[in-house]
Every structure is written in structure tokens, then in C-alpha cells.
């Protein structure tokens, strides 16, 4: 994929965190901006987030991006169910501007 020339196009992924007795979180949701490679992360305990959890995570990142004067235009995800669920797609479509979803089927 060619790198975007505008901030606000993200690739997202979920990663399992190492665990020990002091671990507060089990998962991290990573959002990498295609243009800048700047990385935003949400830590939680949801390796398989629901649509509501995915919407909450995207909203958090969207608010940060907007705070710095940019928009959240698109999100590419690797088949993570919560991020590609119908309820989440409705959220993307209703966002201002609408968030374009690209699902990577390569995995």
C-alpha cells in the first residue's frame, strides 16, 4: 500500500501484552498514522473487543487527533471482529468526516 500524504489514515492492530502478577492490562490496541508513523495506543483487557469497545477506542484516538487539528479519515484493520462489526461500521459512516474502513484479508 502506498503511504498517504495526509495525516489521519490509520492502520490498527491488537496485541497481547506479557503477563505477570503486577500486570494491569492484557491487551493494547495500536493505531499507526500512515503519513507520520505516529503511534497511538489504548491499553485495556480486551483481546477480542466488542463493537462498543472498539467504538470507544476509536473515539479516544479520534478525539486526540482532532485536538491537534487533524481529522480521522480511514482505518485499516486485520479482521478484528469488534472493529469491523456492523455497529462499528455505522459509527464510522456517521462520523464527521466518515471513516473509511479497509479490511486487510491477508492474515
N, C-alpha and C. Protein backbone atom coordinates (compact mmCIF):
# COMPACT_ATOMS: atom_id res chain seq x y z
N UNK A 1 0.84 -1.17 0.00
CA UNK A 1 0.00 0.00 0.00
C UNK A 1 0.89 1.24 0.00
N UNK A 2 0.52 2.21 -0.82
CA UNK A 2 1.25 3.46 -0.87
C UNK A 2 0.97 4.30 0.37
N UNK A 3 1.94 4.97 0.84
CA UNK A 3 1.80 5.81 2.04
C UNK A 3 0.93 7.03 1.71
N UNK A 4 -0.02 7.35 2.61
CA UNK A 4 -0.89 8.51 2.43
C UNK A 4 -0.08 9.78 2.63
N UNK A 5 -0.52 10.87 1.96
CA UNK A 5 0.19 12.14 2.10
C UNK A 5 -0.54 13.10 3.04
N UNK A 6 -1.57 12.61 3.73
CA UNK A 6 -2.32 13.42 4.67
C UNK A 6 -2.43 12.69 6.00
N UNK A 7 -2.28 13.40 7.11
CA UNK A 7 -2.44 12.81 8.44
C UNK A 7 -3.90 12.39 8.62
N UNK A 8 -4.12 11.25 9.27
CA UNK A 8 -5.48 10.81 9.58
C UNK A 8 -5.88 9.48 8.98
N UNK A 9 -4.95 8.81 8.32
CA UNK A 9 -5.20 7.48 7.77
C UNK A 9 -4.43 6.50 8.64
N UNK A 10 -5.14 5.58 9.31
CA UNK A 10 -4.54 4.73 10.32
C UNK A 10 -4.60 3.25 9.98
N UNK A 11 -3.59 2.54 10.46
CA UNK A 11 -3.61 1.07 10.48
C UNK A 11 -3.74 0.69 11.95
N UNK A 12 -4.65 -0.22 12.26
CA UNK A 12 -4.85 -0.63 13.64
C UNK A 12 -4.57 -2.10 13.85
N UNK A 13 -4.22 -2.45 15.07
CA UNK A 13 -3.98 -3.84 15.42
C UNK A 13 -4.14 -4.01 16.93
N UNK A 14 -4.38 -5.25 17.35
CA UNK A 14 -4.48 -5.58 18.77
C UNK A 14 -3.33 -6.51 19.10
N UNK A 15 -2.66 -6.24 20.21
CA UNK A 15 -1.53 -7.07 20.64
C UNK A 15 -1.75 -7.54 22.06
N UNK A 16 -1.36 -8.78 22.31
CA UNK A 16 -1.42 -9.34 23.67
C UNK A 16 -0.18 -8.89 24.43
N UNK A 17 -0.41 -8.43 25.64
CA UNK A 17 0.70 -7.98 26.48
C UNK A 17 1.21 -9.11 27.37
N UNK A 18 2.50 -9.12 27.68
CA UNK A 18 3.03 -10.14 28.59
C UNK A 18 2.41 -9.96 29.99
N UNK A 19 2.23 -11.08 30.67
CA UNK A 19 1.55 -11.06 31.96
C UNK A 19 2.46 -11.51 33.10
N UNK A 20 2.31 -10.84 34.23
CA UNK A 20 2.89 -11.29 35.49
C UNK A 20 1.96 -10.81 36.60
N UNK A 21 2.33 -10.99 37.83
CA UNK A 21 1.45 -10.65 38.96
C UNK A 21 1.11 -9.16 39.05
N UNK A 22 1.93 -8.31 38.47
CA UNK A 22 1.69 -6.87 38.55
C UNK A 22 1.03 -6.29 37.30
N UNK A 23 0.66 -7.13 36.35
CA UNK A 23 0.09 -6.65 35.09
C UNK A 23 -1.30 -6.06 35.30
N UNK A 24 -1.47 -4.84 34.81
CA UNK A 24 -2.77 -4.18 34.91
C UNK A 24 -3.61 -4.45 33.66
N UNK A 25 -2.97 -4.57 32.50
CA UNK A 25 -3.67 -4.74 31.23
C UNK A 25 -3.21 -6.00 30.53
N UNK A 26 -4.08 -6.58 29.71
CA UNK A 26 -3.74 -7.77 28.95
C UNK A 26 -3.64 -7.50 27.45
N UNK A 27 -4.12 -6.33 27.01
CA UNK A 27 -4.13 -6.04 25.57
C UNK A 27 -3.81 -4.58 25.31
N UNK A 28 -3.28 -4.34 24.12
CA UNK A 28 -3.12 -2.96 23.66
C UNK A 28 -3.61 -2.87 22.23
N UNK A 29 -4.29 -1.77 21.95
CA UNK A 29 -4.83 -1.50 20.62
C UNK A 29 -3.98 -0.38 20.04
N UNK A 30 -3.30 -0.67 18.94
CA UNK A 30 -2.33 0.24 18.35
C UNK A 30 -2.91 0.84 17.08
N UNK A 31 -2.78 2.16 16.95
CA UNK A 31 -3.23 2.89 15.77
C UNK A 31 -2.04 3.67 15.24
N UNK A 32 -1.57 3.32 14.03
CA UNK A 32 -0.39 3.96 13.44
C UNK A 32 -0.83 4.83 12.26
N UNK A 33 -0.48 6.11 12.31
CA UNK A 33 -0.80 7.01 11.22
C UNK A 33 0.11 6.70 10.03
N UNK A 34 -0.49 6.54 8.84
CA UNK A 34 0.28 6.16 7.65
C UNK A 34 1.31 7.22 7.26
N UNK A 35 0.95 8.49 7.36
CA UNK A 35 1.86 9.56 6.92
C UNK A 35 3.03 9.75 7.90
N UNK A 36 2.71 9.93 9.16
CA UNK A 36 3.75 10.31 10.13
C UNK A 36 4.37 9.12 10.84
N UNK A 37 3.68 7.98 10.81
CA UNK A 37 4.05 6.77 11.57
C UNK A 37 3.90 7.00 13.07
N UNK A 38 3.24 8.10 13.44
CA UNK A 38 2.98 8.36 14.86
C UNK A 38 2.03 7.29 15.37
N UNK A 39 2.30 6.76 16.55
CA UNK A 39 1.53 5.65 17.09
C UNK A 39 0.73 6.07 18.32
N UNK A 40 -0.56 5.75 18.29
CA UNK A 40 -1.45 5.96 19.42
C UNK A 40 -1.81 4.58 19.97
N UNK A 41 -1.91 4.45 21.29
CA UNK A 41 -2.20 3.16 21.89
C UNK A 41 -3.26 3.29 22.97
N UNK A 42 -4.19 2.32 22.98
CA UNK A 42 -5.18 2.21 24.05
C UNK A 42 -4.89 0.89 24.76
N UNK A 43 -4.68 0.95 26.06
CA UNK A 43 -4.45 -0.25 26.87
C UNK A 43 -5.75 -0.65 27.55
N UNK A 44 -6.07 -1.96 27.50
CA UNK A 44 -7.25 -2.47 28.19
C UNK A 44 -7.10 -3.99 28.35
N UNK A 45 -8.20 -4.65 28.61
CA UNK A 45 -8.18 -6.11 28.80
C UNK A 45 -9.04 -6.83 27.76
N UNK A 46 -9.10 -6.28 26.55
CA UNK A 46 -10.00 -6.81 25.52
C UNK A 46 -9.24 -7.25 24.27
N UNK A 47 -8.76 -8.48 24.27
CA UNK A 47 -8.10 -9.01 23.08
C UNK A 47 -9.08 -9.16 21.92
N UNK A 48 -10.32 -9.44 22.23
CA UNK A 48 -11.39 -9.56 21.22
C UNK A 48 -12.47 -8.54 21.59
N UNK A 49 -12.26 -7.27 21.26
CA UNK A 49 -13.21 -6.24 21.68
C UNK A 49 -14.57 -6.39 21.01
N UNK A 50 -15.60 -6.00 21.75
CA UNK A 50 -16.94 -5.92 21.19
C UNK A 50 -17.00 -4.67 20.31
N UNK A 51 -18.10 -4.52 19.59
CA UNK A 51 -18.28 -3.31 18.78
C UNK A 51 -18.24 -2.07 19.67
N UNK A 52 -18.91 -2.13 20.82
CA UNK A 52 -18.94 -0.97 21.73
C UNK A 52 -17.54 -0.63 22.22
N UNK A 53 -16.74 -1.63 22.55
CA UNK A 53 -15.36 -1.38 23.00
C UNK A 53 -14.51 -0.82 21.87
N UNK A 54 -14.70 -1.33 20.66
CA UNK A 54 -13.95 -0.84 19.50
C UNK A 54 -14.31 0.62 19.22
N UNK A 55 -15.61 0.94 19.28
CA UNK A 55 -16.05 2.32 19.06
C UNK A 55 -15.45 3.25 20.11
N UNK A 56 -15.42 2.80 21.36
CA UNK A 56 -14.83 3.60 22.43
C UNK A 56 -13.35 3.86 22.15
N UNK A 57 -12.63 2.84 21.71
CA UNK A 57 -11.20 3.00 21.42
C UNK A 57 -10.97 3.95 20.25
N UNK A 58 -11.72 3.79 19.17
CA UNK A 58 -11.57 4.67 18.01
C UNK A 58 -11.93 6.10 18.41
N UNK A 59 -12.98 6.26 19.21
CA UNK A 59 -13.38 7.60 19.67
C UNK A 59 -12.27 8.28 20.45
N UNK A 60 -11.60 7.52 21.31
CA UNK A 60 -10.48 8.08 22.08
C UNK A 60 -9.40 8.62 21.16
N UNK A 61 -9.03 7.82 20.17
CA UNK A 61 -7.97 8.22 19.24
C UNK A 61 -8.44 9.37 18.36
N UNK A 62 -9.68 9.30 17.89
CA UNK A 62 -10.25 10.36 17.05
C UNK A 62 -10.22 11.69 17.80
N UNK A 63 -10.58 11.68 19.08
CA UNK A 63 -10.58 12.92 19.86
C UNK A 63 -9.18 13.50 20.00
N UNK A 64 -8.18 12.64 20.18
CA UNK A 64 -6.80 13.11 20.27
C UNK A 64 -6.35 13.72 18.94
N UNK A 65 -6.65 13.03 17.85
CA UNK A 65 -6.27 13.52 16.52
C UNK A 65 -6.95 14.86 16.25
N UNK A 66 -8.24 14.98 16.58
CA UNK A 66 -8.98 16.23 16.37
C UNK A 66 -8.41 17.36 17.23
N UNK A 67 -7.98 17.03 18.44
CA UNK A 67 -7.42 18.03 19.36
C UNK A 67 -6.21 18.73 18.75
N UNK A 68 -5.46 18.00 17.91
CA UNK A 68 -4.28 18.56 17.28
C UNK A 68 -4.57 19.13 15.88
N UNK A 69 -5.85 19.31 15.57
CA UNK A 69 -6.23 19.97 14.32
C UNK A 69 -6.28 19.08 13.10
N UNK A 70 -6.34 17.77 13.30
CA UNK A 70 -6.40 16.83 12.18
C UNK A 70 -7.72 16.06 12.23
N UNK A 71 -8.01 15.35 11.17
CA UNK A 71 -9.21 14.51 11.08
C UNK A 71 -8.80 13.05 11.05
N UNK A 72 -9.73 12.18 11.38
CA UNK A 72 -9.55 10.73 11.32
C UNK A 72 -10.31 10.28 10.07
N UNK A 73 -9.58 9.95 8.98
CA UNK A 73 -10.20 9.67 7.70
C UNK A 73 -10.43 8.19 7.41
N UNK A 74 -9.49 7.36 7.80
CA UNK A 74 -9.63 5.94 7.44
C UNK A 74 -8.92 5.05 8.45
N UNK A 75 -9.35 3.80 8.46
CA UNK A 75 -8.78 2.80 9.36
C UNK A 75 -8.66 1.49 8.62
N UNK A 76 -7.48 0.92 8.64
CA UNK A 76 -7.24 -0.40 8.07
C UNK A 76 -7.05 -1.36 9.23
N UNK A 77 -7.78 -2.46 9.22
CA UNK A 77 -7.71 -3.43 10.30
C UNK A 77 -7.62 -4.84 9.73
N UNK A 78 -7.01 -5.75 10.50
CA UNK A 78 -6.82 -7.13 10.09
C UNK A 78 -7.89 -8.04 10.68
N UNK A 79 -9.11 -7.87 10.27
CA UNK A 79 -10.22 -8.77 10.64
C UNK A 79 -10.49 -8.85 12.14
N UNK A 80 -10.25 -7.81 12.91
CA UNK A 80 -10.59 -7.79 14.32
C UNK A 80 -12.09 -7.56 14.42
N UNK A 81 -12.83 -8.52 14.96
CA UNK A 81 -14.29 -8.54 14.89
C UNK A 81 -14.96 -7.27 15.38
N UNK A 82 -14.54 -6.72 16.51
CA UNK A 82 -15.18 -5.51 17.03
C UNK A 82 -15.00 -4.31 16.14
N UNK A 83 -13.86 -4.23 15.47
CA UNK A 83 -13.56 -3.08 14.62
C UNK A 83 -14.23 -3.17 13.25
N UNK A 84 -14.72 -4.35 12.87
CA UNK A 84 -15.38 -4.50 11.57
C UNK A 84 -16.84 -4.91 11.73
N UNK A 85 -17.37 -4.88 12.96
CA UNK A 85 -18.76 -5.25 13.22
C UNK A 85 -19.71 -4.22 12.59
N UNK A 86 -20.94 -4.62 12.34
CA UNK A 86 -21.92 -3.73 11.71
C UNK A 86 -22.15 -2.46 12.53
N UNK A 87 -22.25 -2.58 13.85
CA UNK A 87 -22.46 -1.39 14.69
C UNK A 87 -21.28 -0.43 14.58
N UNK A 88 -20.08 -0.98 14.48
CA UNK A 88 -18.89 -0.15 14.36
C UNK A 88 -18.87 0.52 12.98
N UNK A 89 -19.26 -0.21 11.96
CA UNK A 89 -19.32 0.37 10.61
C UNK A 89 -20.31 1.53 10.57
N UNK A 90 -21.44 1.40 11.28
CA UNK A 90 -22.40 2.51 11.36
C UNK A 90 -21.76 3.73 12.01
N UNK A 91 -21.00 3.50 13.08
CA UNK A 91 -20.28 4.60 13.75
C UNK A 91 -19.33 5.28 12.75
N UNK A 92 -18.57 4.48 12.00
CA UNK A 92 -17.64 5.05 11.02
C UNK A 92 -18.40 5.92 10.01
N UNK A 93 -19.51 5.40 9.49
CA UNK A 93 -20.28 6.12 8.47
C UNK A 93 -20.90 7.41 9.00
N UNK A 94 -21.25 7.43 10.30
CA UNK A 94 -21.88 8.60 10.90
C UNK A 94 -20.86 9.62 11.40
N UNK A 95 -19.58 9.25 11.45
CA UNK A 95 -18.53 10.17 11.90
C UNK A 95 -18.39 11.32 10.92
N UNK A 96 -17.90 12.45 11.42
CA UNK A 96 -17.64 13.62 10.59
C UNK A 96 -16.15 13.89 10.59
N UNK A 97 -15.43 13.72 9.50
CA UNK A 97 -15.88 13.09 8.26
C UNK A 97 -16.06 11.59 8.45
N UNK A 98 -16.81 10.94 7.54
CA UNK A 98 -16.97 9.49 7.65
C UNK A 98 -15.61 8.80 7.61
N UNK A 99 -15.46 7.76 8.42
CA UNK A 99 -14.21 7.00 8.47
C UNK A 99 -14.32 5.83 7.50
N UNK A 100 -13.40 5.79 6.53
CA UNK A 100 -13.38 4.69 5.57
C UNK A 100 -12.69 3.50 6.22
N UNK A 101 -13.34 2.34 6.15
CA UNK A 101 -12.78 1.10 6.71
C UNK A 101 -12.19 0.26 5.60
N UNK A 102 -10.97 -0.19 5.80
CA UNK A 102 -10.31 -1.12 4.88
C UNK A 102 -9.94 -2.34 5.69
N UNK A 103 -10.43 -3.49 5.27
CA UNK A 103 -10.15 -4.75 5.99
C UNK A 103 -9.08 -5.51 5.24
N UNK A 104 -7.96 -5.73 5.92
CA UNK A 104 -6.87 -6.49 5.33
C UNK A 104 -7.19 -7.98 5.49
N UNK A 105 -7.33 -8.68 4.39
CA UNK A 105 -7.66 -10.10 4.40
C UNK A 105 -6.44 -10.99 4.26
N UNK A 106 -5.26 -10.39 4.35
CA UNK A 106 -4.04 -11.15 4.11
C UNK A 106 -3.67 -12.10 5.23
N UNK A 107 -4.24 -11.95 6.39
CA UNK A 107 -3.85 -12.77 7.54
C UNK A 107 -4.61 -14.08 7.54
